[in-house]
Amino acid sequence: MSGLVDGFLIAAAVVVVIARQFRAQRIDTDRRWWLLPVVLAVVALRESGLTDPHHHTASVALLVAELLVGLAIGAAWAWTSRIWTEPDGAVWSKSTKASGLVWLIGIALRAGLYALGASLGIQQESSALLLALAATLLVRAGILVWRAQSQSPRTASVRGAAYGDAMPRPTWKERV
């Protein structure tokens, strides 16, 4: 794919994901929560240019740093999302202001990594960013599903306080 198509795909995925996560969303632990991240990873890995052949070691180090940032941002985003159980047993989630701050920090870190690579003369393709986005989404979705499974009525009284427990519940629900 061309860089323009990759850029459009990344921007569209980020906009859709962010817009959906700041609304109340039911967590369905039975659906294929891993599908979108896997598709993004496959698209990223199919592309050439994941590493710069002229700066192989430095570009691999930059790719590893990008993936680690993606994993950390995904985990932080999942743990700052509010999760609650409705009386009917449905588990819901909604990102918080802290989640928005996590996204801003993640964007700043990724911009810093890109600037570092550019200053070292490393040619960077969008496939590395797409792979890191896939890692972010996979970790976030996995942690949210794990947290949702631990919200069953018999374990809800046993678990400790979680981030956002003291927050008021929304008065309406959005079905996605």
N, C-alpha and C. Protein backbone atom coordinates (compact mmCIF):
# COMPACT_ATOMS: atom_id res chain seq x y z
N MET A 1 0.84 -1.19 0.00
CA MET A 1 0.00 0.00 0.00
C MET A 1 0.87 1.24 0.00
N SER A 2 0.30 2.31 -0.49
CA SER A 2 1.05 3.56 -0.51
C SER A 2 1.02 4.20 0.88
N GLY A 3 1.91 5.14 1.07
CA GLY A 3 1.97 5.84 2.35
C GLY A 3 0.70 6.60 2.64
N LEU A 4 0.05 7.12 1.59
CA LEU A 4 -1.19 7.86 1.76
C LEU A 4 -2.31 6.94 2.26
N VAL A 5 -2.40 5.75 1.69
CA VAL A 5 -3.42 4.80 2.13
C VAL A 5 -3.13 4.35 3.56
N ASP A 6 -1.87 4.07 3.89
CA ASP A 6 -1.50 3.69 5.25
C ASP A 6 -1.85 4.80 6.24
N GLY A 7 -1.52 6.01 5.87
CA GLY A 7 -1.83 7.15 6.74
C GLY A 7 -3.32 7.30 6.96
N PHE A 8 -4.09 7.12 5.90
CA PHE A 8 -5.55 7.19 6.02
C PHE A 8 -6.07 6.07 6.90
N LEU A 9 -5.54 4.86 6.72
CA LEU A 9 -5.97 3.72 7.53
C LEU A 9 -5.66 3.94 9.01
N ILE A 10 -4.48 4.45 9.32
CA ILE A 10 -4.10 4.72 10.71
C ILE A 10 -5.00 5.80 11.30
N ALA A 11 -5.18 6.90 10.56
CA ALA A 11 -6.01 8.00 11.07
C ALA A 11 -7.45 7.55 11.29
N ALA A 12 -8.00 6.79 10.34
CA ALA A 12 -9.37 6.31 10.47
C ALA A 12 -9.52 5.38 11.67
N ALA A 13 -8.55 4.47 11.86
CA ALA A 13 -8.62 3.54 12.98
C ALA A 13 -8.55 4.29 14.31
N VAL A 14 -7.67 5.26 14.40
CA VAL A 14 -7.53 6.03 15.65
C VAL A 14 -8.80 6.82 15.93
N VAL A 15 -9.35 7.48 14.92
CA VAL A 15 -10.57 8.27 15.13
C VAL A 15 -11.73 7.39 15.56
N VAL A 16 -11.92 6.25 14.89
CA VAL A 16 -13.02 5.35 15.24
C VAL A 16 -12.85 4.81 16.65
N VAL A 17 -11.64 4.38 16.96
CA VAL A 17 -11.39 3.78 18.28
C VAL A 17 -11.58 4.81 19.39
N ILE A 18 -11.02 5.99 19.22
CA ILE A 18 -11.14 7.01 20.26
C ILE A 18 -12.59 7.46 20.42
N ALA A 19 -13.27 7.68 19.31
CA ALA A 19 -14.67 8.12 19.39
C ALA A 19 -15.54 7.08 20.08
N ARG A 20 -15.31 5.82 19.79
CA ARG A 20 -16.12 4.76 20.40
C ARG A 20 -15.81 4.58 21.88
N GLN A 21 -14.59 4.80 22.28
CA GLN A 21 -14.21 4.50 23.65
C GLN A 21 -14.64 5.57 24.65
N PHE A 22 -14.96 6.75 24.20
CA PHE A 22 -15.40 7.78 25.13
C PHE A 22 -16.92 7.83 25.26
N ARG A 23 -17.57 6.79 24.75
CA ARG A 23 -19.00 6.59 24.98
C ARG A 23 -19.13 5.29 25.76
N ALA A 24 -20.21 5.18 26.51
CA ALA A 24 -20.45 3.93 27.23
C ALA A 24 -20.61 2.81 26.21
N GLN A 25 -19.91 1.72 26.44
CA GLN A 25 -19.90 0.62 25.49
C GLN A 25 -19.98 -0.70 26.25
N ARG A 26 -20.88 -1.55 25.82
CA ARG A 26 -21.03 -2.85 26.47
C ARG A 26 -19.87 -3.74 26.06
N ILE A 27 -19.31 -4.44 27.04
CA ILE A 27 -18.20 -5.35 26.77
C ILE A 27 -18.79 -6.74 26.61
N ASP A 28 -18.60 -7.29 25.44
CA ASP A 28 -19.08 -8.64 25.16
C ASP A 28 -17.85 -9.55 25.15
N THR A 29 -17.71 -10.37 26.17
CA THR A 29 -16.52 -11.21 26.29
C THR A 29 -16.52 -12.36 25.32
N ASP A 30 -17.65 -12.61 24.66
CA ASP A 30 -17.73 -13.72 23.72
C ASP A 30 -17.36 -13.33 22.29
N ARG A 31 -17.33 -12.04 21.98
CA ARG A 31 -17.04 -11.66 20.60
C ARG A 31 -15.54 -11.69 20.33
N ARG A 32 -15.20 -11.54 19.11
CA ARG A 32 -13.79 -11.60 18.68
C ARG A 32 -13.12 -10.24 18.90
N TRP A 33 -12.77 -9.95 20.12
CA TRP A 33 -12.18 -8.66 20.48
C TRP A 33 -10.78 -8.49 19.91
N TRP A 34 -10.16 -9.54 19.49
CA TRP A 34 -8.79 -9.52 18.98
C TRP A 34 -8.72 -9.34 17.47
N LEU A 35 -9.86 -9.33 16.79
CA LEU A 35 -9.87 -9.36 15.32
C LEU A 35 -9.29 -8.08 14.70
N LEU A 36 -9.74 -6.90 15.12
CA LEU A 36 -9.23 -5.66 14.54
C LEU A 36 -7.72 -5.51 14.74
N PRO A 37 -7.19 -5.75 15.95
CA PRO A 37 -5.74 -5.65 16.10
C PRO A 37 -4.97 -6.64 15.22
N VAL A 38 -5.50 -7.85 15.07
CA VAL A 38 -4.82 -8.84 14.23
C VAL A 38 -4.82 -8.40 12.76
N VAL A 39 -5.94 -7.85 12.29
CA VAL A 39 -6.00 -7.37 10.91
C VAL A 39 -5.00 -6.23 10.70
N LEU A 40 -4.93 -5.30 11.65
CA LEU A 40 -3.97 -4.20 11.54
C LEU A 40 -2.53 -4.72 11.54
N ALA A 41 -2.25 -5.70 12.38
CA ALA A 41 -0.90 -6.27 12.43
C ALA A 41 -0.54 -6.97 11.12
N VAL A 42 -1.49 -7.70 10.56
CA VAL A 42 -1.23 -8.39 9.29
C VAL A 42 -0.96 -7.37 8.19
N VAL A 43 -1.74 -6.31 8.13
CA VAL A 43 -1.52 -5.27 7.14
C VAL A 43 -0.13 -4.65 7.33
N ALA A 44 0.26 -4.40 8.59
CA ALA A 44 1.57 -3.80 8.87
C ALA A 44 2.71 -4.74 8.49
N LEU A 45 2.56 -6.02 8.80
CA LEU A 45 3.64 -6.97 8.53
C LEU A 45 3.76 -7.33 7.05
N ARG A 46 2.71 -7.15 6.28
CA ARG A 46 2.77 -7.41 4.85
C ARG A 46 3.58 -6.35 4.11
N GLU A 47 3.66 -5.18 4.67
CA GLU A 47 4.36 -4.08 4.03
C GLU A 47 5.87 -4.23 4.16
N SER A 48 6.55 -3.79 3.15
CA SER A 48 8.01 -3.73 3.26
C SER A 48 8.35 -2.42 3.97
N GLY A 49 9.53 -2.33 4.48
CA GLY A 49 9.96 -1.10 5.12
C GLY A 49 9.67 -1.03 6.60
N LEU A 50 9.45 -2.17 7.22
CA LEU A 50 9.24 -2.16 8.67
C LEU A 50 10.51 -1.71 9.37
N THR A 51 11.65 -2.08 8.79
CA THR A 51 12.95 -1.61 9.29
C THR A 51 13.73 -1.02 8.12
N ASP A 52 14.65 -0.16 8.43
CA ASP A 52 15.50 0.48 7.42
C ASP A 52 16.70 -0.41 7.16
N PRO A 53 16.89 -0.90 5.92
CA PRO A 53 18.01 -1.81 5.66
C PRO A 53 19.39 -1.15 5.82
N HIS A 54 19.46 0.17 5.73
CA HIS A 54 20.73 0.87 5.87
C HIS A 54 21.10 1.12 7.33
N HIS A 55 20.12 1.09 8.20
CA HIS A 55 20.33 1.30 9.64
C HIS A 55 19.58 0.20 10.39
N HIS A 56 19.94 -1.03 10.11
CA HIS A 56 19.15 -2.16 10.60
C HIS A 56 19.05 -2.21 12.13
N THR A 57 20.16 -2.13 12.82
CA THR A 57 20.15 -2.24 14.28
C THR A 57 19.37 -1.10 14.91
N ALA A 58 19.62 0.12 14.46
CA ALA A 58 18.94 1.29 15.03
C ALA A 58 17.44 1.25 14.71
N SER A 59 17.08 0.80 13.51
CA SER A 59 15.65 0.77 13.16
C SER A 59 14.93 -0.34 13.92
N VAL A 60 15.61 -1.46 14.18
CA VAL A 60 14.99 -2.51 14.99
C VAL A 60 14.80 -2.02 16.43
N ALA A 61 15.79 -1.32 16.96
CA ALA A 61 15.67 -0.76 18.31
C ALA A 61 14.52 0.24 18.38
N LEU A 62 14.39 1.05 17.34
CA LEU A 62 13.29 2.02 17.29
C LEU A 62 11.94 1.31 17.19
N LEU A 63 11.88 0.23 16.42
CA LEU A 63 10.65 -0.55 16.29
C LEU A 63 10.28 -1.20 17.63
N VAL A 64 11.27 -1.75 18.32
CA VAL A 64 11.02 -2.35 19.64
C VAL A 64 10.52 -1.29 20.62
N ALA A 65 11.14 -0.11 20.60
CA ALA A 65 10.70 0.97 21.48
C ALA A 65 9.26 1.37 21.14
N GLU A 66 8.94 1.44 19.86
CA GLU A 66 7.58 1.78 19.44
C GLU A 66 6.58 0.74 19.93
N LEU A 67 6.94 -0.54 19.82
CA LEU A 67 6.05 -1.60 20.30
C LEU A 67 5.89 -1.56 21.82
N LEU A 68 6.97 -1.29 22.54
CA LEU A 68 6.88 -1.20 24.00
C LEU A 68 6.00 -0.02 24.42
N VAL A 69 6.14 1.09 23.73
CA VAL A 69 5.27 2.24 24.01
C VAL A 69 3.82 1.86 23.72
N GLY A 70 3.58 1.17 22.60
CA GLY A 70 2.22 0.73 22.27
C GLY A 70 1.64 -0.18 23.32
N LEU A 71 2.42 -1.13 23.80
CA LEU A 71 1.94 -2.05 24.84
C LEU A 71 1.64 -1.30 26.14
N ALA A 72 2.53 -0.39 26.52
CA ALA A 72 2.33 0.38 27.75
C ALA A 72 1.10 1.27 27.65
N ILE A 73 0.93 1.92 26.52
CA ILE A 73 -0.23 2.80 26.33
C ILE A 73 -1.52 1.98 26.35
N GLY A 74 -1.52 0.81 25.71
CA GLY A 74 -2.70 -0.04 25.72
C GLY A 74 -3.08 -0.48 27.13
N ALA A 75 -2.07 -0.86 27.92
CA ALA A 75 -2.33 -1.28 29.29
C ALA A 75 -2.83 -0.11 30.13
N ALA A 76 -2.18 1.03 30.01
CA ALA A 76 -2.60 2.20 30.79
C ALA A 76 -4.00 2.65 30.39
N TRP A 77 -4.30 2.58 29.11
CA TRP A 77 -5.62 2.97 28.63
C TRP A 77 -6.68 2.04 29.19
N ALA A 78 -6.40 0.75 29.23
CA ALA A 78 -7.37 -0.21 29.76
C ALA A 78 -7.58 -0.01 31.25
N TRP A 79 -6.52 0.25 31.99
CA TRP A 79 -6.64 0.38 33.44
C TRP A 79 -7.24 1.72 33.85
N THR A 80 -7.24 2.71 32.96
CA THR A 80 -7.88 3.99 33.29
C THR A 80 -9.31 4.06 32.77
N SER A 81 -9.76 3.02 32.12
CA SER A 81 -11.16 2.96 31.66
C SER A 81 -12.04 2.52 32.82
N ARG A 82 -13.19 3.13 32.91
CA ARG A 82 -14.14 2.79 33.97
C ARG A 82 -14.96 1.59 33.53
N ILE A 83 -15.13 0.63 34.42
CA ILE A 83 -15.94 -0.56 34.15
C ILE A 83 -16.97 -0.69 35.25
N TRP A 84 -18.21 -1.01 34.86
CA TRP A 84 -19.26 -1.24 35.84
C TRP A 84 -20.20 -2.32 35.33
N THR A 85 -20.92 -2.90 36.26
CA THR A 85 -21.89 -3.95 35.94
C THR A 85 -23.28 -3.43 36.23
N GLU A 86 -24.15 -3.58 35.25
CA GLU A 86 -25.55 -3.18 35.40
C GLU A 86 -26.31 -4.28 36.16
N PRO A 87 -27.47 -3.97 36.70
CA PRO A 87 -28.26 -4.99 37.42
C PRO A 87 -28.59 -6.23 36.58
N ASP A 88 -28.67 -6.06 35.26
CA ASP A 88 -28.97 -7.20 34.40
C ASP A 88 -27.74 -8.07 34.14
N GLY A 89 -26.59 -7.70 34.70
CA GLY A 89 -25.37 -8.49 34.55
C GLY A 89 -24.48 -8.04 33.41
N ALA A 90 -24.92 -7.09 32.60
CA ALA A 90 -24.11 -6.59 31.49
C ALA A 90 -22.97 -5.73 32.03
N VAL A 91 -21.78 -5.92 31.46
CA VAL A 91 -20.62 -5.16 31.87
C VAL A 91 -20.37 -4.07 30.83
N TRP A 92 -20.17 -2.86 31.32
CA TRP A 92 -19.98 -1.69 30.45
C TRP A 92 -18.64 -1.05 30.76
N SER A 93 -18.11 -0.33 29.78
CA SER A 93 -16.88 0.43 29.99
C SER A 93 -17.00 1.79 29.32
N LYS A 94 -16.19 2.69 29.81
CA LYS A 94 -16.12 4.03 29.23
C LYS A 94 -14.76 4.61 29.59
N SER A 95 -14.10 5.18 28.60
CA SER A 95 -12.82 5.81 28.88
C SER A 95 -13.05 7.08 29.70
N THR A 96 -12.05 7.44 30.47
CA THR A 96 -12.13 8.59 31.36
C THR A 96 -11.20 9.69 30.87
N LYS A 97 -11.17 10.78 31.62
CA LYS A 97 -10.23 11.86 31.28
C LYS A 97 -8.80 11.37 31.39
N ALA A 98 -8.55 10.48 32.34
CA ALA A 98 -7.21 9.91 32.48
C ALA A 98 -6.85 9.11 31.23
N SER A 99 -7.82 8.45 30.62
CA SER A 99 -7.58 7.71 29.38
C SER A 99 -7.19 8.68 28.26
N GLY A 100 -7.85 9.82 28.21
CA GLY A 100 -7.49 10.83 27.23
C GLY A 100 -6.08 11.33 27.43
N LEU A 101 -5.68 11.49 28.69
CA LEU A 101 -4.31 11.89 28.98
C LEU A 101 -3.32 10.82 28.55
N VAL A 102 -3.69 9.56 28.73
CA VAL A 102 -2.84 8.45 28.27
C VAL A 102 -2.65 8.54 26.77
N TRP A 103 -3.72 8.82 26.02
CA TRP A 103 -3.59 8.95 24.57
C TRP A 103 -2.66 10.10 24.20
N LEU A 104 -2.80 11.24 24.88
CA LEU A 104 -1.93 12.38 24.58
C LEU A 104 -0.47 12.06 24.86
N ILE A 105 -0.21 11.38 25.97
CA ILE A 105 1.16 10.98 26.29
C ILE A 105 1.68 10.00 25.24
N GLY A 106 0.84 9.06 24.83
CA GLY A 106 1.23 8.10 23.81
C GLY A 106 1.57 8.77 22.48
N ILE A 107 0.76 9.73 22.08
CA ILE A 107 1.04 10.46 20.83
C ILE A 107 2.34 11.23 20.96
N ALA A 108 2.57 11.86 22.11
CA ALA A 108 3.81 12.61 22.31
C ALA A 108 5.04 11.68 22.29
N LEU A 109 4.93 10.52 22.94
CA LEU A 109 6.04 9.57 22.92
C LEU A 109 6.33 9.06 21.51
N ARG A 110 5.28 8.78 20.77
CA ARG A 110 5.47 8.29 19.39
C ARG A 110 6.06 9.38 18.51
N ALA A 111 5.62 10.62 18.70
CA ALA A 111 6.21 11.73 17.95
C ALA A 111 7.69 11.88 18.31
N GLY A 112 8.02 11.71 19.58
CA GLY A 112 9.41 11.78 20.01
C GLY A 112 10.26 10.67 19.39
N LEU A 113 9.70 9.46 19.33
CA LEU A 113 10.42 8.36 18.70
C LEU A 113 10.62 8.62 17.21
N TYR A 114 9.61 9.17 16.56
CA TYR A 114 9.75 9.50 15.14
C TYR A 114 10.82 10.56 14.94
N ALA A 115 10.82 11.57 15.80
CA ALA A 115 11.83 12.63 15.70
C ALA A 115 13.22 12.07 15.95
N LEU A 116 13.36 11.16 16.90
CA LEU A 116 14.65 10.53 17.16
C LEU A 116 15.13 9.76 15.93
N GLY A 117 14.23 8.99 15.33
CA GLY A 117 14.59 8.24 14.13
C GLY A 117 14.97 9.15 12.98
N ALA A 118 14.23 10.23 12.82
CA ALA A 118 14.54 11.19 11.75
C ALA A 118 15.90 11.84 11.98
N SER A 119 16.20 12.16 13.23
CA SER A 119 17.50 12.78 13.52
C SER A 119 18.66 11.82 13.29
N LEU A 120 18.41 10.51 13.42
CA LEU A 120 19.45 9.51 13.15
C LEU A 120 19.51 9.12 11.68
N GLY A 121 18.61 9.66 10.88
CA GLY A 121 18.60 9.36 9.46
C GLY A 121 17.93 8.04 9.12
N ILE A 122 17.10 7.53 10.01
CA ILE A 122 16.42 6.26 9.79
C ILE A 122 15.15 6.52 8.99
N GLN A 123 15.00 5.79 7.88
CA GLN A 123 13.79 5.90 7.09
C GLN A 123 12.69 5.12 7.79
N GLN A 124 11.58 5.81 8.11
CA GLN A 124 10.50 5.19 8.87
C GLN A 124 9.24 5.14 8.04
N GLU A 125 8.69 3.97 7.93
CA GLU A 125 7.44 3.78 7.20
C GLU A 125 6.28 3.75 8.19
N SER A 126 5.09 3.86 7.68
CA SER A 126 3.91 3.87 8.55
C SER A 126 3.58 2.48 9.09
N SER A 127 4.21 1.44 8.55
CA SER A 127 3.90 0.09 9.02
C SER A 127 4.31 -0.12 10.48
N ALA A 128 5.37 0.53 10.93
CA ALA A 128 5.77 0.42 12.33
C ALA A 128 4.72 1.05 13.25
N LEU A 129 4.20 2.19 12.84
CA LEU A 129 3.15 2.85 13.62
C LEU A 129 1.88 2.01 13.64
N LEU A 130 1.55 1.40 12.50
CA LEU A 130 0.37 0.55 12.41
C LEU A 130 0.52 -0.69 13.29
N LEU A 131 1.72 -1.25 13.33
CA LEU A 131 1.97 -2.42 14.19
C LEU A 131 1.86 -2.04 15.67
N ALA A 132 2.38 -0.87 16.03
CA ALA A 132 2.28 -0.42 17.42
C ALA A 132 0.83 -0.12 17.79
N LEU A 133 0.05 0.42 16.85
CA LEU A 133 -1.37 0.66 17.11
C LEU A 133 -2.09 -0.67 17.33
N ALA A 134 -1.74 -1.67 16.55
CA ALA A 134 -2.34 -3.00 16.73
C ALA A 134 -2.00 -3.55 18.12
N ALA A 135 -0.76 -3.38 18.56
CA ALA A 135 -0.36 -3.84 19.89
C ALA A 135 -1.14 -3.10 20.97
N THR A 136 -1.31 -1.80 20.80
CA THR A 136 -2.08 -1.00 21.76
C THR A 136 -3.51 -1.51 21.88
N LEU A 137 -4.15 -1.71 20.74
CA LEU A 137 -5.54 -2.15 20.75
C LEU A 137 -5.69 -3.57 21.29
N LEU A 138 -4.74 -4.43 20.97
CA LEU A 138 -4.82 -5.81 21.44
C LEU A 138 -4.68 -5.88 22.97
N VAL A 139 -3.72 -5.17 23.52
CA VAL A 139 -3.51 -5.17 24.97
C VAL A 139 -4.71 -4.55 25.68
N ARG A 140 -5.20 -3.43 25.17
CA ARG A 140 -6.34 -2.77 25.80
C ARG A 140 -7.56 -3.68 25.80
N ALA A 141 -7.87 -4.25 24.65
CA ALA A 141 -9.05 -5.12 24.55
C ALA A 141 -8.90 -6.35 25.44
N GLY A 142 -7.72 -6.93 25.48
CA GLY A 142 -7.49 -8.11 26.31
C GLY A 142 -7.68 -7.80 27.79
N ILE A 143 -7.14 -6.69 28.24
CA ILE A 143 -7.29 -6.32 29.65
C ILE A 143 -8.74 -5.99 29.97
N LEU A 144 -9.44 -5.29 29.08
CA LEU A 144 -10.84 -4.98 29.34
C LEU A 144 -11.70 -6.24 29.41
N VAL A 145 -11.45 -7.19 28.51
CA VAL A 145 -12.21 -8.45 28.56
C VAL A 145 -11.90 -9.19 29.85
N TRP A 146 -10.64 -9.21 30.25
CA TRP A 146 -10.26 -9.86 31.50
C TRP A 146 -10.93 -9.19 32.70
N ARG A 147 -10.94 -7.85 32.70
CA ARG A 147 -11.60 -7.14 33.78
C ARG A 147 -13.10 -7.37 33.77
N ALA A 148 -13.69 -7.45 32.57
CA ALA A 148 -15.13 -7.68 32.46
C ALA A 148 -15.50 -9.07 32.97
N GLN A 149 -14.66 -10.06 32.70
CA GLN A 149 -14.93 -11.40 33.18
C GLN A 149 -14.84 -11.48 34.70
N SER A 150 -14.02 -10.62 35.30
CA SER A 150 -13.91 -10.63 36.75
C SER A 150 -15.03 -9.84 37.42
N GLN A 151 -15.91 -9.24 36.63
CA GLN A 151 -17.02 -8.45 37.16
C GLN A 151 -18.29 -9.28 37.35
N SER A 152 -18.20 -10.59 37.28
CA SER A 152 -19.40 -11.41 37.45
C SER A 152 -19.97 -11.17 38.84
N PRO A 153 -21.28 -11.35 39.04
CA PRO A 153 -21.91 -11.02 40.32
C PRO A 153 -21.29 -11.74 41.52
N ARG A 154 -20.82 -12.96 41.34
CA ARG A 154 -20.29 -13.68 42.50
C ARG A 154 -18.90 -13.17 42.89
N THR A 155 -18.15 -12.55 41.96
CA THR A 155 -16.83 -12.03 42.31
C THR A 155 -16.84 -10.52 42.53
N ALA A 156 -17.94 -9.86 42.22
CA ALA A 156 -17.98 -8.41 42.36
C ALA A 156 -17.84 -7.98 43.81
N SER A 157 -18.41 -8.75 44.74
CA SER A 157 -18.31 -8.35 46.14
C SER A 157 -16.95 -8.70 46.74
N VAL A 158 -16.21 -9.60 46.10
CA VAL A 158 -14.92 -10.02 46.62
C VAL A 158 -13.80 -9.10 46.16
N ARG A 159 -13.93 -8.55 44.97
CA ARG A 159 -12.85 -7.75 44.40
C ARG A 159 -12.67 -6.44 45.16
N GLY A 160 -11.51 -5.86 45.03
CA GLY A 160 -11.22 -4.60 45.67
C GLY A 160 -11.73 -3.44 44.85
N ALA A 161 -11.54 -2.25 45.35
CA ALA A 161 -11.97 -1.06 44.64
C ALA A 161 -11.14 -0.89 43.38
N ALA A 162 -11.78 -0.42 42.33
CA ALA A 162 -11.11 -0.20 41.06
C ALA A 162 -11.22 1.27 40.69
N TYR A 163 -10.40 1.68 39.76
CA TYR A 163 -10.43 3.05 39.29
C TYR A 163 -11.81 3.38 38.75
N GLY A 164 -12.42 4.44 39.21
CA GLY A 164 -13.70 4.88 38.71
C GLY A 164 -14.89 4.32 39.46
N ASP A 165 -14.69 3.52 40.50
CA ASP A 165 -15.82 2.95 41.23
C ASP A 165 -16.67 4.02 41.90
N ALA A 166 -16.04 5.08 42.34
CA ALA A 166 -16.78 6.12 43.06
C ALA A 166 -17.44 7.11 42.11
N MET A 167 -17.26 6.95 40.79
CA MET A 167 -17.83 7.88 39.83
C MET A 167 -19.32 7.61 39.67
N PRO A 168 -20.11 8.66 39.41
CA PRO A 168 -21.55 8.44 39.21
C PRO A 168 -21.79 7.65 37.93
N ARG A 169 -22.82 6.83 37.94
CA ARG A 169 -23.16 6.03 36.77
C ARG A 169 -23.86 6.89 35.73
N PRO A 170 -23.66 6.58 34.46
CA PRO A 170 -24.37 7.36 33.43
C PRO A 170 -25.87 7.08 33.50
N THR A 171 -26.65 8.08 33.12
CA THR A 171 -28.08 7.94 33.19
C THR A 171 -28.65 7.27 31.95
N TRP A 172 -27.84 7.11 30.90
CA TRP A 172 -28.32 6.47 29.68
C TRP A 172 -27.21 5.59 29.14
N LYS A 173 -27.61 4.65 28.29
CA LYS A 173 -26.65 3.74 27.70
C LYS A 173 -26.70 3.88 26.18
N GLU A 174 -25.55 3.69 25.56
CA GLU A 174 -25.51 3.66 24.11
C GLU A 174 -25.22 2.24 23.69
N ARG A 175 -25.93 1.75 22.77
CA ARG A 175 -25.67 0.40 22.23
C ARG A 175 -24.78 0.56 21.02
N VAL A 176 -23.73 -0.22 20.98
CA VAL A 176 -22.79 -0.16 19.85
C VAL A 176 -22.85 -1.45 19.09
